[in-house]
Amino acid sequence: MRRQTIIALAVAVVIGLVAVYLANSYWSARDAQADSAAQGTVRVAVASVPLDYGMPVTADKVRFASYPASSLPPGVYRTMNDLIPQGKARVALRPIQPNQLLLSSDLTGEGEHASIAALLPDGKRAASVRINDVSGVAGFIKPNDTVDVLITRQAIGENRDAQVTDVLLQNIRVIAMDQQSANKDAQPAVARVATLEVAPLDAQKLALGQQIGTLSLVLRKPGEEQNVAYVDTVSLEDLRFGAYGPPSSAARPAMAMAVAAPAAQAIRTAAPARPRPVRRAASASSRPRSPASDSVVVVRGTVTQNYEVRRNGQ
């Protein structure tokens, strides 16, 4: 009996030691994983409230969150002193959403005010063009949209009185409409001036184009960056049916029927009526001479008989 008790105690001790070892291994792995995660994250400044263009970034609008150090973009702020040194607040250059990282490219310098110039990438210029409700796409163009710029001008050469339209610029970003550089609402608003982000040479083209012709903006699909490799000049000769080549094979039968039907009707209407045959009376010379005696024709069914009647005295 005593021997069995000793064996049971020994087994219990072994099981306890194994349980302690397993628990220690589990918690050690958890601690190591937590330490590794803590070493791979960095606390950086993010927006705690929505920030509009031109809004000062103060301490009550900022909080700090942990982000993986390997995936942080350049220009983050790791301390409040880096973000707001000595109380010199920075200003938002574009709309910033809550929990979005605060980057140096989205904010002005220390104590500076918001400026369109701060939004320009290196090598770009801001150029403004005059527009109206039609050339500005009825007010549906908003800041940060991309557009094509068309120019309508007089033709060059012999036919100087004719007008042509060319594609002047493609895939141009809109910086501001009038004095609004942020799309605060989705309601369309007609603007008189559009400010575009262009290269220096393109700014010269816009300046010259406004003097010699009329500029129009064409709204592009968001994210569509591919430019048309070949664009043509549109003239008055192109404002007619079939100016850009023959119709497709699928459209030819329907178009042929549509063209043939009114043409056939016009032919029927314009064609003179076919003359009916006219029976001319036989001339006196061609008529058979009546006999000297009178005759009577008697018709019985299909049988015709002539009876001669002599005149008196004959």
Foldseek 3Di string as FASTA:
>chain_A
DVVVVVVVVVVVVVVVVVVVVVVVVVVVVVVVVVVVVVVQKAKFKWFAAKAAFFAWDDPVGIDIDIDGPVPDDPATHRDPCVQAPPNQTWGAQHIGHGPHTDGPLGTDPGNDTHDLVSPADPQKDKAKDFDWCALAVNQQDAAQFWKWKKWKAADPDDRRVWIKIDGLGGGWGWQHFAPDRYCPDNDGDIGGMTIIIGGPVSNVVRVVRRVGTDMGIGTDDPPPDDDDPDDDMGTPCCPDPQSVHDDDPVCVVVVVVVVVVVVVVVCVVPDDDDDDDDDDDDDPVPDDDDDPWDWDWDDDPPDIDIDTDGDPPD
